[in-house]
Amino acid sequence: MICHYDTLKVGNSNTLEYRIYVTRNGTPISSFHDIPLYCDSRETVLNMVVEIPRWTNNKLEITKDEVLNPIKQDNQGNKPRYVRNCFPYKGYIWNYGALPQTWEDPNFTHPDTEAKGDNDPLDVCEIGERVGYPGEVKQVKVLGILALLDGEDTDWKVIAIDINDPLASEFNDIGDVEVHMPGLLQATKEWFRLYKVPDGKPANKFSFNGEYKNKAYANRVIEKCSHAWCHLISTQGHGIAVANTTIEGSPGYVTHITQGLIPELPIQQQLSPGSIESPIDKWYFINAAQL
């Protein structure tokens, strides 16, 4: 059956109460657990849930502790969190999101990075030309991966491209990005290195001296995180809500919303955005003395 994904929005955007639920064929589902990782039998095309569209600053993310794992606005100091613009970048420079049915196990120390997983689904930077929207399910192909070190954790960043992008056929591995989009990989690494500095945090570091790993390596990481998710969904734990409508036999499986484990959700609400107190259009200029 062909699935049609859409979104159900609840509350005012730019507020901590805002939620975006992913729906399939009109029914709310878990954006973490109910969308298959692969959408073809050869496992060459993957589903990606867009959290943050390119050029935007709202730090939106899939919730781990709420039923059906809606996308919400992250908070900083009990206020909505926005990523700063580190010159010359404006917001996120790609469509940013996550691979469903993956999990970076915080109990697993990767032998190459010597750091544990960050307890999140795998992050994705989708580099195609069309700007996505929060809650969109894009079909992408993997090109490579970058190993960001977020404190003591490994925070992998998968590099991928929308299979419907006009240039998608030209991209088959990480080396093709520099050929067709010169400068983007370096900009991506610099973006991740600096984006927390305006908030008073140190510059981020990377494994492999900041070297991107190729498609084959990325696929091995994805496979490992897919297996970790299979363990998570069958055992629960780590403060992650595992309610789902598709994984029969799992502890969180329910057949429909009205069974009680999943409450009735509000109808779509067309509410005006909340006011933004943070100066999200400001550019921050960072020099070596700040790092």
Protein backbone atom coordinates (compact mmCIF):
# COMPACT_ATOMS: atom_id res chain seq x y z
CA MET A 1 0.00 0.00 0.00
CA ILE A 2 1.29 3.45 -0.90
CA CYS A 3 1.55 5.60 2.22
CA HIS A 4 0.72 9.27 2.30
CA TYR A 5 2.45 11.18 5.07
CA ASP A 6 1.18 14.52 6.34
CA THR A 7 1.35 16.58 9.52
CA LEU A 8 -0.97 17.62 12.34
CA LYS A 9 0.06 20.85 14.07
CA VAL A 10 -0.99 21.70 17.60
CA GLY A 11 -0.42 25.02 19.38
CA ASN A 12 1.43 28.18 18.38
CA SER A 13 4.74 27.91 16.58
CA ASN A 14 7.65 29.64 18.35
CA THR A 15 6.33 28.41 21.71
CA LEU A 16 7.27 25.50 23.94
CA GLU A 17 3.74 24.10 23.58
CA TYR A 18 3.99 23.70 19.81
CA ARG A 19 3.82 20.13 18.48
CA ILE A 20 3.94 18.67 14.98
CA TYR A 21 2.63 15.10 14.67
CA VAL A 22 3.36 13.01 11.59
CA THR A 23 0.27 11.29 10.14
CA ARG A 24 0.04 8.39 7.70
CA ASN A 25 -3.07 8.06 5.58
CA GLY A 26 -4.74 10.48 8.01
CA THR A 27 -3.80 8.64 11.22
CA PRO A 28 -1.22 10.03 13.72
CA ILE A 29 1.85 7.83 14.04
CA SER A 30 5.19 7.91 15.83
CA SER A 31 7.77 9.88 13.86
CA PHE A 32 10.47 7.84 15.64
CA HIS A 33 9.07 4.29 15.45
CA ASP A 34 6.32 3.97 12.82
CA ILE A 35 8.06 5.21 9.66
CA PRO A 36 10.22 2.50 8.08
CA LEU A 37 13.91 3.27 7.74
CA TYR A 38 14.09 1.90 4.21
CA CYS A 39 11.49 2.40 1.51
CA ASP A 40 12.81 -0.04 -1.08
CA SER A 41 13.62 -3.75 -0.95
CA ARG A 42 17.28 -3.18 -1.85
CA GLU A 43 17.65 -0.78 1.10
CA THR A 44 19.16 1.95 -1.05
CA VAL A 45 16.49 4.61 -0.45
CA LEU A 46 15.80 5.78 3.10
CA ASN A 47 13.06 7.79 4.75
CA MET A 48 14.08 10.97 6.53
CA VAL A 49 11.90 13.05 8.85
CA VAL A 50 12.60 16.75 8.34
CA GLU A 51 12.81 18.62 11.64
CA ILE A 52 14.40 21.92 10.58
CA PRO A 53 14.09 23.37 7.06
CA ARG A 54 17.09 25.01 5.42
CA TRP A 55 17.67 28.73 6.27
CA THR A 56 15.57 28.54 9.46
CA ASN A 57 16.72 28.92 13.07
CA ASN A 58 14.02 27.21 15.16
CA LYS A 59 15.63 24.27 16.99
CA LEU A 60 12.90 21.71 16.34
CA GLU A 61 13.42 18.06 17.23
CA ILE A 62 11.61 14.75 17.59
CA THR A 63 10.59 14.26 21.22
CA LYS A 64 11.78 11.11 22.91
CA ASP A 65 9.62 11.20 26.03
CA GLU A 66 6.16 12.01 24.61
CA VAL A 67 3.62 9.59 23.15
CA LEU A 68 3.97 9.33 19.35
CA ASN A 69 7.20 11.35 19.50
CA PRO A 70 5.93 14.58 17.93
CA ILE A 71 8.34 17.27 16.76
CA LYS A 72 8.62 20.12 19.27
CA GLN A 73 10.52 23.35 19.83
CA ASP A 74 13.62 22.75 21.95
CA ASN A 75 14.05 25.00 24.95
CA GLN A 76 16.93 26.97 26.40
CA GLY A 77 16.44 28.62 29.79
CA ASN A 78 12.75 27.64 29.62
CA LYS A 79 12.36 29.66 26.43
CA PRO A 80 12.24 28.50 22.79
CA ARG A 81 15.70 27.75 21.48
CA TYR A 82 17.00 29.22 18.24
CA VAL A 83 20.32 28.47 16.59
CA ARG A 84 22.43 31.60 16.07
CA ASN A 85 23.72 32.80 12.71
CA CYS A 86 27.49 32.39 12.67
CA PHE A 87 28.74 34.54 9.78
CA PRO A 88 28.37 33.84 6.88
CA TYR A 89 25.64 31.27 7.60
CA LYS A 90 21.91 31.92 8.02
CA GLY A 91 20.22 29.31 10.18
CA TYR A 92 20.69 25.70 9.11
CA ILE A 93 22.35 25.36 5.70
CA TRP A 94 20.56 22.13 4.69
CA ASN A 95 17.30 20.41 5.52
CA TYR A 96 18.08 18.87 8.90
CA GLY A 97 16.29 15.90 10.40
CA ALA A 98 16.49 12.30 11.53
CA LEU A 99 16.36 8.74 10.25
CA PRO A 100 13.37 6.93 11.79
CA GLN A 101 13.87 3.51 13.35
CA THR A 102 17.49 4.29 14.24
CA TRP A 103 18.98 4.95 17.68
CA GLU A 104 22.45 5.90 18.86
CA ASP A 105 22.81 3.58 21.85
CA PRO A 106 24.29 5.42 24.87
CA ASN A 107 25.57 2.09 26.17
CA PHE A 108 27.62 1.40 23.04
CA THR A 109 31.10 2.88 22.63
CA HIS A 110 32.00 3.02 18.94
CA PRO A 111 35.49 1.55 18.47
CA ASP A 112 36.49 4.23 15.94
CA THR A 113 35.26 7.31 17.80
CA GLU A 114 35.84 5.89 21.30
CA ALA A 115 32.64 7.65 22.39
CA LYS A 116 29.14 6.45 23.25
CA GLY A 117 25.97 7.17 21.31
CA ASP A 118 23.91 10.25 22.14
CA ASN A 119 20.57 8.47 22.81
CA ASP A 120 18.91 10.03 19.72
CA PRO A 121 17.90 8.86 16.26
CA LEU A 122 20.58 9.44 13.63
CA ASP A 123 20.81 13.02 12.36
CA VAL A 124 20.67 13.80 8.64
CA CYS A 125 21.77 16.79 6.57
CA GLU A 126 19.80 16.66 3.29
CA ILE A 127 21.60 18.80 0.71
CA GLY A 128 19.07 18.96 -2.14
CA GLU A 129 17.80 22.25 -3.53
CA ARG A 130 14.17 22.10 -2.35
CA VAL A 131 13.52 23.48 1.13
CA GLY A 132 11.49 21.02 3.20
CA TYR A 133 9.04 21.59 6.04
CA PRO A 134 8.90 20.27 9.62
CA GLY A 135 7.39 16.79 9.71
CA GLU A 136 7.95 16.13 6.01
CA VAL A 137 9.02 12.57 5.18
CA LYS A 138 11.62 12.77 2.42
CA GLN A 139 13.09 9.85 0.48
CA VAL A 140 16.86 10.19 0.39
CA LYS A 141 20.00 8.35 -0.58
CA VAL A 142 23.03 8.31 1.67
CA LEU A 143 26.34 9.81 0.53
CA GLY A 144 28.57 9.79 3.60
CA ILE A 145 28.85 10.69 7.26
CA LEU A 146 30.61 13.08 9.66
CA ALA A 147 31.46 12.12 13.25
CA LEU A 148 30.76 15.11 15.50
CA LEU A 149 31.77 14.76 19.15
CA ASP A 150 29.10 16.37 21.31
CA GLY A 151 30.70 16.46 24.74
CA GLU A 152 31.36 12.82 25.60
CA ASP A 153 29.02 11.45 22.91
CA THR A 154 29.29 10.49 19.26
CA ASP A 155 26.75 12.55 17.29
CA TRP A 156 26.84 11.22 13.74
CA LYS A 157 25.72 13.50 10.89
CA VAL A 158 24.60 11.57 7.82
CA ILE A 159 24.99 13.44 4.52
CA ALA A 160 22.18 12.60 2.07
CA ILE A 161 20.26 13.97 -0.90
CA ASP A 162 16.59 13.85 -1.83
CA ILE A 163 16.13 11.21 -4.54
CA ASN A 164 13.87 13.64 -6.42
CA ASP A 165 16.49 16.38 -6.57
CA PRO A 166 17.44 17.35 -10.15
CA LEU A 167 21.07 16.42 -9.43
CA ALA A 168 20.37 13.25 -7.45
CA SER A 169 21.59 10.96 -10.23
CA GLU A 170 25.00 12.68 -10.11
CA PHE A 171 25.50 11.90 -6.42
CA ASN A 172 26.58 8.39 -5.47
CA ASP A 173 29.21 8.90 -2.76
CA ILE A 174 30.69 11.61 -0.58
CA GLY A 175 33.28 12.63 -3.17
CA ASP A 176 30.53 13.71 -5.57
CA VAL A 177 29.45 16.47 -3.18
CA GLU A 178 32.67 18.43 -3.65
CA VAL A 179 32.45 17.97 -7.42
CA HIS A 180 28.92 19.30 -7.79
CA MET A 181 28.61 21.50 -4.67
CA PRO A 182 32.14 22.75 -4.04
CA GLY A 183 32.64 24.15 -0.57
CA LEU A 184 29.52 22.62 1.00
CA LEU A 185 31.30 19.88 2.96
CA GLN A 186 33.79 22.34 4.42
CA ALA A 187 30.98 24.76 5.24
CA THR A 188 29.04 21.94 6.90
CA LYS A 189 31.95 21.02 9.12
CA GLU A 190 32.58 24.66 10.02
CA TRP A 191 28.88 25.17 10.77
CA PHE A 192 28.86 22.29 13.24
CA ARG A 193 32.15 23.44 14.74
CA LEU A 194 30.90 26.95 15.54
CA TYR A 195 27.14 26.93 15.99
CA LYS A 196 27.18 26.72 19.80
CA VAL A 197 29.92 29.31 20.32
CA PRO A 198 27.56 32.36 20.43
CA ASP A 199 25.80 30.67 23.38
CA GLY A 200 29.04 30.60 25.34
CA LYS A 201 29.96 26.99 24.61
CA PRO A 202 33.30 25.77 23.22
CA ALA A 203 33.77 24.92 19.57
CA ASN A 204 32.80 21.36 18.71
CA LYS A 205 35.32 18.69 17.79
CA PHE A 206 35.23 15.73 15.42
CA SER A 207 36.56 12.22 15.17
CA PHE A 208 38.86 11.26 12.28
CA ASN A 209 40.30 14.83 12.35
CA GLY A 210 37.09 16.03 10.76
CA GLU A 211 37.35 13.69 7.78
CA TYR A 212 34.09 12.62 6.15
CA LYS A 213 33.57 8.89 5.81
CA ASN A 214 32.14 7.45 2.60
CA LYS A 215 28.79 5.92 1.78
CA ALA A 216 29.83 2.38 2.70
CA TYR A 217 30.99 3.49 6.14
CA ALA A 218 27.82 5.54 6.64
CA ASN A 219 25.66 2.55 5.78
CA ARG A 220 27.46 0.46 8.39
CA VAL A 221 26.74 3.10 11.02
CA ILE A 222 23.09 3.23 9.94
CA GLU A 223 22.80 -0.55 10.08
CA LYS A 224 24.28 -0.61 13.59
CA CYS A 225 21.86 2.11 14.75
CA SER A 226 18.96 0.26 13.12
CA HIS A 227 19.82 -2.86 15.11
CA ALA A 228 20.09 -0.75 18.27
CA TRP A 229 16.60 0.64 17.63
CA CYS A 230 15.24 -2.91 17.22
CA HIS A 231 16.59 -3.68 20.69
CA LEU A 232 15.16 -0.43 22.08
CA ILE A 233 11.64 -0.97 20.71
CA SER A 234 11.54 -4.52 22.11
CA THR A 235 12.84 -3.69 25.58
CA GLN A 236 11.91 -0.02 26.26
CA GLY A 237 14.01 2.07 28.63
CA HIS A 238 16.27 5.15 28.45
CA GLY A 239 13.29 7.44 29.01
CA ILE A 240 12.09 6.96 25.43
CA ALA A 241 8.38 6.67 24.66
CA VAL A 242 7.95 3.57 22.48
CA ALA A 243 4.20 3.69 21.74
CA ASN A 244 3.70 2.71 18.11
CA THR A 245 1.02 1.47 15.72
CA THR A 246 3.07 -0.86 13.51
CA ILE A 247 5.53 -3.01 15.51
CA GLU A 248 3.33 -5.92 16.56
CA GLY A 249 4.63 -7.74 19.62
CA SER A 250 6.58 -4.76 20.91
CA PRO A 251 5.75 -3.47 24.43
CA GLY A 252 4.40 -0.19 23.08
CA TYR A 253 2.25 -1.57 20.27
CA VAL A 254 -1.34 -0.35 20.06
CA THR A 255 -3.78 -0.90 17.23
CA HIS A 256 -5.39 2.51 17.34
CA ILE A 257 -5.42 5.72 19.32
CA THR A 258 -8.55 5.07 21.39
CA GLN A 259 -7.07 2.13 23.31
CA GLY A 260 -5.93 4.48 26.05
CA LEU A 261 -2.15 4.18 25.73
CA ILE A 262 -2.34 6.87 23.07
CA PRO A 263 -4.73 9.70 23.99
CA GLU A 264 -7.02 11.41 21.54
CA LEU A 265 -5.11 14.20 19.85
CA PRO A 266 -6.47 17.69 19.27
CA ILE A 267 -7.65 18.59 15.82
CA GLN A 268 -5.42 20.66 13.58
CA GLN A 269 -5.18 24.15 15.05
CA GLN A 270 -4.59 27.17 12.83
CA LEU A 271 -3.02 29.42 15.43
CA SER A 272 -0.87 32.46 14.82
CA PRO A 273 2.88 32.14 15.58
CA GLY A 274 4.11 33.24 18.96
CA SER A 275 6.38 36.25 19.21
CA ILE A 276 10.13 35.71 18.93
CA GLU A 277 12.17 37.38 21.65
CA SER A 278 15.54 36.11 20.45
CA PRO A 279 17.29 38.20 17.74
CA ILE A 280 17.36 35.37 15.21
CA ASP A 281 18.45 37.60 12.31
CA LYS A 282 21.59 38.78 14.07
CA TRP A 283 24.93 37.64 12.69
CA TYR A 284 27.65 36.53 15.11
CA PHE A 285 31.25 37.08 14.04
CA ILE A 286 33.63 34.58 15.56
CA ASN A 287 37.41 34.86 15.57
CA ALA A 288 40.11 32.49 16.70
CA ALA A 289 40.43 34.22 20.08
CA GLN A 290 36.93 33.05 20.98
CA LEU A 291 37.64 29.37 20.30
